[in-house]
Each structure stands twice: as C-alpha cells, then as structure tokens.
C-alpha cells in the first residue's frame, strides 16, 4: 500500500480517537499520533500521512457532552491532544475526592 495524506479540518468539538493499525504521522505535532487520544478544539488544520492501512473510530463530543466523560477543564484541551491514559488518570483522581 502506498503512503497517502488526508487533511483534517477543525470542527469545533472534542474528539476521542481510536486507531486500529499503524497510527498516522501528523504535520501538526510533527510526530506519529498515539493509538488512542482525546483532542480538544483545534484552530488549525493538520495533514495526516498514513504509511499502512489504518482504521479509525472517532467519537465526537460537544463540550457539554465531553464534561460527562472527562473531568478536566476544557481549556486544558484547547489546541492540543492528550493521550487517553492521562485523561483517564485525571478522571479517577477527581473521582477520589468524592470518596468517603
């Protein structure tokens, strides 16, 4: 399979991205994307270069909807992406404060 590039245009919502296969190379970060990550509101496009076959599942959240799943300030995600491990750790840390 040949390399191919796709352009990602910002949509104004948070996304939870799952890659199945080799993740693409992003021109925005100048690195390969993580297998799974949460991406906030982006203000610029990026190009993703795929080097092999890769399936993706992308869950798009409104800001209100994302708050239910991620107890992290929305500003922390602005123009950036976080690995899903970090997002989940922050959620459990915040939930522990409500334990007896």
N, C-alpha and C. Protein backbone atom coordinates (compact mmCIF):
# COMPACT_ATOMS: atom_id res chain seq x y z
N UNK A 1 0.84 -1.18 0.00
CA UNK A 1 0.00 0.00 0.00
C UNK A 1 0.89 1.24 0.00
N UNK A 2 0.57 2.19 -0.81
CA UNK A 2 1.33 3.44 -0.89
C UNK A 2 0.93 4.38 0.24
N UNK A 3 1.85 5.30 0.54
CA UNK A 3 1.54 6.34 1.51
C UNK A 3 0.49 7.27 0.91
N UNK A 4 -0.38 7.77 1.75
CA UNK A 4 -1.35 8.77 1.31
C UNK A 4 -1.60 9.75 2.44
N UNK A 5 -2.00 10.96 2.10
CA UNK A 5 -2.19 12.03 3.07
C UNK A 5 -3.63 12.51 3.03
N UNK A 6 -4.19 12.73 4.21
CA UNK A 6 -5.54 13.27 4.37
C UNK A 6 -5.46 14.54 5.20
N UNK A 7 -6.25 15.52 4.87
CA UNK A 7 -6.30 16.77 5.63
C UNK A 7 -7.43 16.70 6.66
N UNK A 8 -7.12 17.09 7.90
CA UNK A 8 -8.11 17.13 8.98
C UNK A 8 -8.45 18.59 9.23
N UNK A 9 -9.72 18.91 9.09
CA UNK A 9 -10.19 20.29 9.27
C UNK A 9 -10.84 20.39 10.65
N UNK A 10 -10.53 21.45 11.42
CA UNK A 10 -11.13 21.59 12.75
C UNK A 10 -12.65 21.70 12.66
N UNK A 11 -13.34 21.00 13.59
CA UNK A 11 -14.80 21.01 13.57
C UNK A 11 -15.40 21.72 14.77
N UNK A 12 -14.57 22.15 15.72
CA UNK A 12 -15.07 22.90 16.87
C UNK A 12 -15.57 22.05 18.01
N UNK A 13 -15.33 20.75 17.96
CA UNK A 13 -15.76 19.86 19.03
C UNK A 13 -14.59 19.00 19.49
N UNK A 14 -14.74 18.42 20.69
CA UNK A 14 -13.73 17.49 21.18
C UNK A 14 -13.93 16.14 20.51
N UNK A 15 -12.82 15.40 20.34
CA UNK A 15 -12.88 14.08 19.70
C UNK A 15 -12.10 13.07 20.53
N UNK A 16 -12.60 11.87 20.60
CA UNK A 16 -11.90 10.74 21.20
C UNK A 16 -11.55 9.83 20.03
N UNK A 17 -10.28 9.65 19.75
CA UNK A 17 -9.83 8.97 18.53
C UNK A 17 -9.18 7.64 18.88
N UNK A 18 -9.59 6.58 18.18
CA UNK A 18 -9.01 5.25 18.31
C UNK A 18 -8.43 4.86 16.96
N UNK A 19 -7.16 4.50 16.91
CA UNK A 19 -6.53 3.99 15.69
C UNK A 19 -6.39 2.48 15.81
N UNK A 20 -6.77 1.77 14.77
CA UNK A 20 -6.58 0.32 14.72
C UNK A 20 -5.62 0.05 13.57
N UNK A 21 -4.39 -0.20 13.91
CA UNK A 21 -3.32 -0.35 12.92
C UNK A 21 -2.24 0.66 13.23
N UNK A 22 -1.38 0.90 12.27
CA UNK A 22 -0.30 1.85 12.46
C UNK A 22 -0.86 3.27 12.44
N UNK A 23 -0.66 4.05 13.51
CA UNK A 23 -1.21 5.41 13.53
C UNK A 23 -0.55 6.30 12.46
N UNK A 24 -1.26 7.32 12.02
CA UNK A 24 -0.71 8.22 11.00
C UNK A 24 0.29 9.22 11.58
N UNK A 25 1.08 9.79 10.70
CA UNK A 25 2.02 10.85 11.06
C UNK A 25 1.30 12.19 10.90
N UNK A 26 1.37 13.04 11.93
CA UNK A 26 0.68 14.32 11.90
C UNK A 26 1.65 15.46 11.66
N UNK A 27 1.33 16.34 10.72
CA UNK A 27 2.19 17.51 10.47
C UNK A 27 2.02 18.56 11.56
N UNK A 28 0.91 18.51 12.30
CA UNK A 28 0.66 19.48 13.36
C UNK A 28 1.63 19.28 14.53
N UNK A 29 1.85 18.02 14.92
CA UNK A 29 2.76 17.70 16.03
C UNK A 29 4.12 17.25 15.55
N UNK A 30 4.25 17.01 14.27
CA UNK A 30 5.49 16.50 13.68
C UNK A 30 5.90 15.18 14.32
N UNK A 31 4.91 14.33 14.58
CA UNK A 31 5.13 13.04 15.21
C UNK A 31 3.96 12.12 14.85
N UNK A 32 4.12 10.83 15.16
CA UNK A 32 3.02 9.91 14.96
C UNK A 32 1.98 10.13 16.05
N UNK A 33 0.71 10.00 15.70
CA UNK A 33 -0.35 10.14 16.68
C UNK A 33 -0.35 8.93 17.61
N UNK A 34 -0.80 9.10 18.85
CA UNK A 34 -0.95 7.94 19.74
C UNK A 34 -2.04 7.00 19.23
N UNK A 35 -2.05 5.79 19.73
CA UNK A 35 -3.09 4.82 19.33
C UNK A 35 -4.47 5.34 19.71
N UNK A 36 -4.59 5.89 20.92
CA UNK A 36 -5.84 6.43 21.42
C UNK A 36 -5.57 7.77 22.09
N UNK A 37 -6.36 8.79 21.76
CA UNK A 37 -6.15 10.09 22.38
C UNK A 37 -7.42 10.93 22.35
N UNK A 38 -7.43 11.95 23.18
CA UNK A 38 -8.51 12.92 23.23
C UNK A 38 -7.97 14.22 22.65
N UNK A 39 -8.71 14.79 21.73
CA UNK A 39 -8.28 16.04 21.10
C UNK A 39 -9.32 17.12 21.36
N UNK A 40 -8.86 18.28 21.75
CA UNK A 40 -9.75 19.40 22.04
C UNK A 40 -10.07 20.21 20.80
N UNK A 41 -10.64 21.37 21.03
CA UNK A 41 -10.98 22.29 19.95
C UNK A 41 -9.69 22.77 19.28
N UNK A 42 -9.55 22.51 18.01
CA UNK A 42 -8.35 22.89 17.27
C UNK A 42 -8.66 24.14 16.44
N UNK A 43 -7.64 24.99 16.26
CA UNK A 43 -7.84 26.21 15.48
C UNK A 43 -7.16 26.16 14.12
N UNK A 44 -6.42 25.08 13.85
CA UNK A 44 -5.80 24.98 12.53
C UNK A 44 -5.90 23.54 12.03
N UNK A 45 -5.82 23.39 10.73
CA UNK A 45 -5.90 22.06 10.14
C UNK A 45 -4.57 21.32 10.31
N UNK A 46 -4.60 20.04 10.05
CA UNK A 46 -3.36 19.26 10.03
C UNK A 46 -3.46 18.24 8.90
N UNK A 47 -2.32 17.77 8.47
CA UNK A 47 -2.26 16.71 7.46
C UNK A 47 -1.82 15.44 8.15
N UNK A 48 -2.53 14.36 7.87
CA UNK A 48 -2.17 13.05 8.41
C UNK A 48 -1.67 12.18 7.27
N UNK A 49 -0.46 11.65 7.43
CA UNK A 49 0.12 10.77 6.41
C UNK A 49 0.06 9.34 6.91
N UNK A 50 -0.63 8.50 6.16
CA UNK A 50 -0.77 7.09 6.51
C UNK A 50 0.27 6.29 5.75
N UNK A 51 0.97 5.40 6.47
CA UNK A 51 2.01 4.57 5.85
C UNK A 51 1.54 3.14 5.62
N UNK A 52 0.45 2.78 6.21
CA UNK A 52 -0.15 1.47 6.01
C UNK A 52 -1.64 1.59 6.29
N UNK A 53 -2.33 0.50 6.12
CA UNK A 53 -3.77 0.50 6.34
C UNK A 53 -4.07 0.79 7.82
N UNK A 54 -4.97 1.70 8.08
CA UNK A 54 -5.33 2.07 9.45
C UNK A 54 -6.82 2.39 9.50
N UNK A 55 -7.53 1.70 10.37
CA UNK A 55 -8.94 2.02 10.58
C UNK A 55 -9.03 2.96 11.78
N UNK A 56 -10.03 3.81 11.77
CA UNK A 56 -10.21 4.76 12.86
C UNK A 56 -11.66 4.73 13.35
N UNK A 57 -11.81 4.91 14.64
CA UNK A 57 -13.11 5.16 15.23
C UNK A 57 -12.96 6.49 15.94
N UNK A 58 -13.83 7.44 15.61
CA UNK A 58 -13.75 8.78 16.20
C UNK A 58 -15.10 9.10 16.82
N UNK A 59 -15.07 9.40 18.12
CA UNK A 59 -16.27 9.81 18.85
C UNK A 59 -16.19 11.33 19.01
N UNK A 60 -17.18 12.03 18.51
CA UNK A 60 -17.20 13.49 18.57
C UNK A 60 -18.13 13.92 19.71
N UNK A 61 -17.62 14.79 20.59
CA UNK A 61 -18.38 15.29 21.73
C UNK A 61 -18.62 16.79 21.58
N UNK A 62 -19.80 17.24 22.00
CA UNK A 62 -19.95 18.66 22.25
C UNK A 62 -19.22 18.94 23.56
N UNK A 63 -18.97 20.19 23.88
CA UNK A 63 -18.26 20.49 25.12
C UNK A 63 -19.04 20.03 26.34
N UNK A 64 -20.35 20.17 26.31
CA UNK A 64 -21.16 19.71 27.43
C UNK A 64 -21.11 18.19 27.55
N UNK A 65 -21.13 17.50 26.43
CA UNK A 65 -21.08 16.04 26.44
C UNK A 65 -19.75 15.51 26.90
N UNK A 66 -18.66 16.18 26.56
CA UNK A 66 -17.33 15.74 26.97
C UNK A 66 -17.16 15.85 28.47
N UNK A 67 -17.80 16.84 29.08
CA UNK A 67 -17.67 17.05 30.52
C UNK A 67 -18.17 15.84 31.31
N UNK A 68 -19.15 15.13 30.79
CA UNK A 68 -19.68 13.95 31.46
C UNK A 68 -18.62 12.85 31.55
N UNK A 69 -17.78 12.73 30.52
CA UNK A 69 -16.80 11.66 30.46
C UNK A 69 -15.41 12.05 30.97
N UNK A 70 -15.06 13.31 30.85
CA UNK A 70 -13.72 13.77 31.21
C UNK A 70 -13.83 14.92 32.21
N UNK A 71 -13.43 14.67 33.46
CA UNK A 71 -13.49 15.71 34.48
C UNK A 71 -12.21 16.53 34.45
N UNK A 72 -12.01 17.19 33.33
CA UNK A 72 -10.82 18.00 33.11
C UNK A 72 -11.30 19.32 32.52
N UNK A 73 -10.64 20.38 32.86
CA UNK A 73 -11.02 21.68 32.30
C UNK A 73 -10.93 21.62 30.77
N UNK A 74 -11.95 22.16 30.12
CA UNK A 74 -11.97 22.20 28.66
C UNK A 74 -10.77 22.98 28.13
N UNK A 75 -10.33 23.99 28.86
CA UNK A 75 -9.19 24.79 28.41
C UNK A 75 -7.91 23.96 28.32
N UNK A 76 -7.83 22.89 29.10
CA UNK A 76 -6.64 22.03 29.04
C UNK A 76 -6.51 21.34 27.68
N UNK A 77 -7.64 21.17 27.00
CA UNK A 77 -7.64 20.51 25.69
C UNK A 77 -7.58 21.48 24.52
N UNK A 78 -7.67 22.77 24.77
CA UNK A 78 -7.72 23.74 23.68
C UNK A 78 -6.44 23.67 22.84
N UNK A 79 -6.59 23.43 21.56
CA UNK A 79 -5.48 23.37 20.61
C UNK A 79 -4.46 22.30 20.95
N UNK A 80 -4.88 21.21 21.58
CA UNK A 80 -3.94 20.15 21.91
C UNK A 80 -4.65 18.82 21.99
N UNK A 81 -3.87 17.78 22.12
CA UNK A 81 -4.43 16.45 22.33
C UNK A 81 -3.69 15.81 23.50
N UNK A 82 -4.39 14.94 24.21
CA UNK A 82 -3.84 14.24 25.36
C UNK A 82 -4.04 12.76 25.15
N UNK A 83 -3.07 11.97 25.56
CA UNK A 83 -3.24 10.52 25.45
C UNK A 83 -4.41 10.11 26.34
N UNK A 84 -5.08 9.05 25.97
CA UNK A 84 -6.24 8.63 26.74
C UNK A 84 -5.84 8.23 28.14
N UNK A 85 -4.62 7.76 28.35
CA UNK A 85 -4.16 7.37 29.68
C UNK A 85 -4.19 8.56 30.62
N UNK A 86 -3.71 9.71 30.16
CA UNK A 86 -3.69 10.91 31.00
C UNK A 86 -5.09 11.38 31.32
N UNK A 87 -5.98 11.34 30.34
CA UNK A 87 -7.35 11.79 30.56
C UNK A 87 -8.06 10.90 31.57
N UNK A 88 -7.84 9.59 31.48
CA UNK A 88 -8.49 8.67 32.40
C UNK A 88 -7.92 8.80 33.80
N UNK A 89 -6.60 8.97 33.93
CA UNK A 89 -5.99 9.15 35.25
C UNK A 89 -6.55 10.38 35.93
N UNK A 90 -6.70 11.47 35.20
CA UNK A 90 -7.26 12.69 35.78
C UNK A 90 -8.70 12.47 36.24
N UNK A 91 -9.44 11.69 35.49
CA UNK A 91 -10.83 11.44 35.89
C UNK A 91 -10.87 10.69 37.21
N UNK A 92 -10.06 9.64 37.35
CA UNK A 92 -10.08 8.87 38.59
C UNK A 92 -9.54 9.68 39.76
N UNK A 93 -8.57 10.54 39.51
CA UNK A 93 -8.05 11.39 40.58
C UNK A 93 -9.15 12.32 41.07
N UNK A 94 -9.93 12.87 40.16
CA UNK A 94 -11.01 13.77 40.54
C UNK A 94 -12.14 13.01 41.24
N UNK A 95 -12.40 11.77 40.84
CA UNK A 95 -13.46 11.00 41.48
C UNK A 95 -13.08 10.62 42.91
N UNK A 96 -11.80 10.40 43.19
CA UNK A 96 -11.36 10.00 44.53
C UNK A 96 -11.68 11.07 45.57
N UNK A 97 -11.74 12.33 45.17
CA UNK A 97 -12.03 13.37 46.15
C UNK A 97 -13.45 13.26 46.68
N UNK A 98 -14.34 12.53 45.98
CA UNK A 98 -15.72 12.37 46.43
C UNK A 98 -15.93 11.12 47.28
N UNK A 99 -14.87 10.29 47.41
CA UNK A 99 -14.99 9.10 48.25
C UNK A 99 -15.01 9.49 49.71
N UNK A 100 -15.58 8.62 50.54
CA UNK A 100 -15.65 8.91 51.99
C UNK A 100 -14.30 8.97 52.63
